[in-house]
Protein backbone atom coordinates (compact mmCIF):
# COMPACT_ATOMS: atom_id res chain seq x y z
CA PHE A 1 0.78 -9.15 -29.60
CA VAL A 2 3.38 -11.33 -28.34
CA ASP A 3 6.23 -9.39 -30.09
CA ALA A 4 5.67 -6.25 -27.87
CA ILE A 5 5.98 -8.45 -24.65
CA HIS A 6 9.03 -8.09 -22.87
CA LEU A 7 11.90 -10.76 -24.20
CA ASP A 8 12.27 -11.72 -20.20
CA ASP A 9 8.59 -12.54 -20.14
CA ARG A 10 7.55 -13.87 -23.36
CA GLU A 11 8.19 -17.76 -22.84
CA ARG A 12 5.89 -17.47 -19.58
CA VAL A 13 3.08 -15.52 -21.46
CA LYS A 14 3.28 -18.15 -24.15
CA GLU A 15 3.13 -20.97 -21.26
CA SER A 16 0.12 -19.33 -19.65
CA ILE A 17 -1.82 -18.85 -23.06
CA ASN A 18 -0.99 -22.26 -24.38
CA GLU A 19 -2.53 -23.83 -20.76
CA ALA A 20 -5.61 -21.63 -20.70
CA ILE A 21 -6.46 -22.84 -24.88
CA GLU A 22 -5.76 -26.93 -23.89
CA ARG A 23 -7.64 -26.58 -20.60
CA LYS A 24 -10.17 -24.42 -21.72
CA LEU A 25 -9.42 -22.17 -18.68
CA PRO A 26 -9.41 -18.14 -18.11
CA PHE A 27 -6.18 -16.70 -18.70
CA PHE A 28 -4.84 -14.30 -15.95
CA CYS A 29 -1.05 -13.11 -16.66
CA GLY A 30 0.89 -10.25 -15.67
CA PHE A 31 4.17 -9.15 -17.81
CA ARG A 32 5.94 -6.45 -18.99
CA VAL A 33 5.57 -4.77 -22.73
CA LEU A 34 7.89 -2.57 -24.54
CA HIS A 35 6.40 0.74 -25.37
CA ALA A 36 6.82 2.86 -28.63
CA ASP A 37 8.82 5.33 -26.48
CA GLY A 38 11.50 2.79 -25.22
CA SER A 39 9.86 2.53 -21.82
CA ILE A 40 8.75 -0.43 -20.00
CA ARG A 41 5.30 -0.91 -18.62
CA HIS A 42 3.82 -3.50 -16.46
CA VAL A 43 0.49 -4.71 -18.19
CA GLN A 44 -2.42 -7.29 -16.54
CA GLY A 45 -3.63 -9.49 -19.04
CA GLU A 46 -6.94 -11.66 -18.42
CA GLY A 47 -9.15 -13.22 -21.23
CA LYS A 48 -10.98 -17.03 -21.96
CA VAL A 49 -10.95 -19.16 -24.69
CA ALA A 50 -13.60 -18.79 -27.58
CA LEU A 51 -15.17 -22.81 -28.70
CA ASN A 52 -16.47 -23.61 -31.68
CA ALA A 53 -19.35 -25.27 -32.50
CA GLU A 54 -17.81 -28.83 -31.71
CA GLN A 55 -16.36 -27.53 -28.31
CA LEU A 56 -12.97 -27.01 -29.34
CA PRO A 57 -10.54 -24.14 -28.77
CA GLU A 58 -10.97 -21.63 -31.75
CA GLN A 59 -9.25 -18.25 -30.36
CA LEU A 60 -8.46 -16.52 -27.02
CA VAL A 61 -10.54 -13.36 -26.20
CA GLY A 62 -8.93 -10.89 -23.98
CA VAL A 63 -8.30 -7.58 -22.96
CA SER A 64 -5.26 -5.97 -21.20
CA CYS A 65 -4.58 -3.15 -18.68
CA ASP A 66 -1.61 -1.05 -17.73
CA VAL A 67 -1.05 -1.32 -14.12
CA THR A 68 2.39 0.61 -14.17
CA GLU A 69 1.63 3.01 -11.76
CA LYS A 70 -0.12 0.54 -9.52
CA HIS A 71 3.04 -1.73 -9.92
CA ALA A 72 5.44 1.19 -8.98
CA LYS A 73 3.48 2.13 -5.96
CA ALA A 74 3.38 -1.65 -4.74
CA GLU A 75 7.04 -1.30 -5.33
CA GLN A 76 7.71 1.70 -3.18
CA VAL A 77 5.32 0.36 -0.64
CA GLU A 78 7.50 -2.86 -0.14
CA LYS A 79 10.93 -0.90 0.03
CA LEU A 80 9.41 1.56 2.77
CA SER A 81 8.02 -1.53 4.63
CA LEU A 82 11.25 -3.12 4.19
CA VAL A 83 13.26 -0.28 5.69
CA ALA A 84 10.21 0.38 8.50
CA SER A 85 10.27 -3.54 9.74
CA LYS A 86 14.06 -3.00 10.84
CA THR A 87 12.83 0.11 13.43
CA GLN A 88 11.83 -0.78 17.15
CA HIS A 89 9.31 2.27 16.83
CA SER A 90 5.74 2.02 15.79
CA VAL A 91 5.57 2.67 12.34
CA VAL A 92 2.43 2.99 9.83
CA ILE A 93 2.37 3.31 5.92
CA THR A 94 -0.68 5.11 4.37
CA ASP A 95 -1.73 5.83 0.93
CA ALA A 96 -2.18 8.94 -0.22
CA ASP A 97 -5.70 9.41 1.48
CA GLY A 98 -4.22 8.23 4.60
CA LYS A 99 -5.77 4.80 4.61
CA ILE A 100 -3.14 2.38 6.32
CA GLU A 101 -1.53 -0.05 3.89
CA TRP A 102 1.00 -1.24 6.22
CA ILE A 103 2.29 -1.48 9.97
CA ASN A 104 5.12 -3.13 11.73
CA ASP A 105 5.14 -5.07 14.70
CA ALA A 106 5.98 -2.51 16.87
CA PHE A 107 2.53 -0.64 15.81
CA THR A 108 0.85 -4.10 16.48
CA ARG A 109 2.23 -4.25 20.05
CA LEU A 110 1.38 -0.29 20.67
CA THR A 111 -2.06 -0.61 19.50
CA GLY A 112 -3.01 -4.05 19.52
CA TYR A 113 -4.13 -4.05 16.11
CA GLU A 114 -3.23 -6.49 13.60
CA LEU A 115 -2.72 -5.57 9.78
CA ASN A 116 -5.86 -7.65 8.58
CA GLU A 117 -7.84 -5.60 11.03
CA VAL A 118 -6.44 -2.07 10.22
CA ARG A 119 -5.87 -1.91 6.50
CA GLY A 120 -7.91 0.92 4.76
CA LEU A 121 -8.83 2.43 7.85
CA LYS A 122 -7.35 5.62 8.93
CA PRO A 123 -4.97 5.81 11.75
CA GLY A 124 -6.67 8.65 13.40
CA LYS A 125 -10.03 7.41 13.30
CA LEU A 126 -8.85 4.16 14.92
CA LEU A 127 -6.79 5.41 17.72
CA GLN A 128 -7.75 9.04 18.90
CA GLY A 129 -10.22 9.10 21.45
CA PRO A 130 -11.82 11.59 24.08
CA LYS A 131 -8.58 12.82 25.85
CA THR A 132 -7.21 13.59 22.52
CA ASP A 133 -6.59 17.25 21.88
CA PRO A 134 -8.79 18.59 19.16
CA GLU A 135 -6.58 21.47 17.98
CA CYS A 136 -3.82 18.42 17.66
CA ILE A 137 -5.99 16.96 15.32
CA ALA A 138 -6.94 19.95 13.26
CA ARG A 139 -2.96 20.48 13.40
CA ILE A 140 -2.16 17.11 11.93
CA SER A 141 -5.13 17.47 9.31
CA ARG A 142 -3.71 20.78 8.28
CA SER A 143 -0.39 19.56 7.54
CA LEU A 144 -1.23 16.34 5.62
CA ALA A 145 -3.36 18.38 3.23
CA CYS A 146 -0.58 20.63 2.47
CA ARG A 147 1.67 17.52 2.19
CA GLU A 148 3.96 18.73 4.78
CA SER A 149 5.84 16.79 7.88
CA ILE A 150 4.56 17.35 11.35
CA ALA A 151 5.72 16.18 14.58
CA VAL A 152 3.35 16.25 17.39
CA GLU A 153 2.72 14.95 21.27
CA LEU A 154 -1.03 13.07 21.63
CA VAL A 155 -3.20 10.77 23.67
CA ASN A 156 -3.87 7.66 21.29
CA TYR A 157 -6.20 4.77 22.74
CA HIS A 158 -4.80 1.07 22.67
CA ARG A 159 -7.38 -1.63 21.30
CA ASP A 160 -8.44 -2.35 24.88
CA GLY A 161 -9.54 1.20 25.77
CA THR A 162 -6.06 2.26 27.56
CA ASP A 163 -5.35 5.80 26.55
CA TYR A 164 -1.28 6.57 26.49
CA TRP A 165 0.64 9.53 25.26
CA ILE A 166 2.75 8.99 22.00
CA GLU A 167 5.28 11.14 20.19
CA LEU A 168 4.01 11.22 16.46
CA LYS A 169 6.12 12.30 13.54
CA ILE A 170 4.14 12.33 9.70
CA ASP A 171 6.50 12.67 7.02
CA PRO A 172 4.97 12.67 3.31
CA VAL A 173 6.36 10.41 0.53
CA LEU A 174 6.69 11.62 -2.96
CA ASN A 175 7.68 9.67 -6.37
CA GLU A 176 10.27 10.98 -9.08
CA SER A 177 7.80 12.83 -10.32
CA GLY A 178 6.91 14.55 -7.31
CA LYS A 179 3.29 13.14 -6.80
CA LEU A 180 2.36 12.30 -3.34
CA THR A 181 2.11 8.35 -2.93
CA ASN A 182 2.29 7.72 0.66
CA PHE A 183 2.60 8.94 4.44
CA ILE A 184 4.84 7.03 6.64
CA ALA A 185 4.34 7.98 10.61
CA THR A 186 6.36 6.80 13.48
CA GLN A 187 5.14 6.46 16.77
CA VAL A 188 7.23 6.62 20.08
CA GLU A 189 5.42 6.03 23.72
CA ILE A 190 5.99 8.59 25.69
CA THR A 191 3.40 7.83 28.70
CA GLU A 192 5.99 7.57 31.32
CA ARG A 193 7.60 11.30 30.41
CA LYS A 194 4.34 12.94 30.59
CA LEU A 195 3.07 11.37 34.13
CA SER A 196 6.46 12.81 35.38
CA GLU A 197 6.12 15.70 34.26
CA GLU A 198 2.90 16.00 35.39
CA ASN A 199 3.77 15.18 39.06
């Protein structure tokens, strides 16, 4: 088992296992393993110490799960959020199902919502309301279902109930295999322009 662990992670894993055995505690540790095909896989291991009749550690019983895809996805969101944090525009990153994973400070200023309030929710259900054009919502849904980019102007609602106009652009994010992993949406408030157009 230990021989399969990436050389840079072996000592750390050994220390975690030894500590679990000595202190009779559950074992939790993430590490990399070298696959037979030469690739590196990310693994989450967990287990517990089995005691003998004298209540002394006898063996460590555990399981390991391949979390390579989850790890890669987390890395991609981290990279996207790093770039998005530099812009002054409101940015929201969702997973492939359209559920919020990350927002920047500009999103909070525009909408009044913090990340811990919106994570796991869909932006549309959160921000759209009575004045939001249903046909515009339908266009967005069709584009996302086809993994296509879309740019629209629509009415959203602040946390306090105030409505405002935004210019919304949504782009799909694909991984190296062409699999959809995220959507990234930018929002620019255009309320003043829309009001001036009406007058």
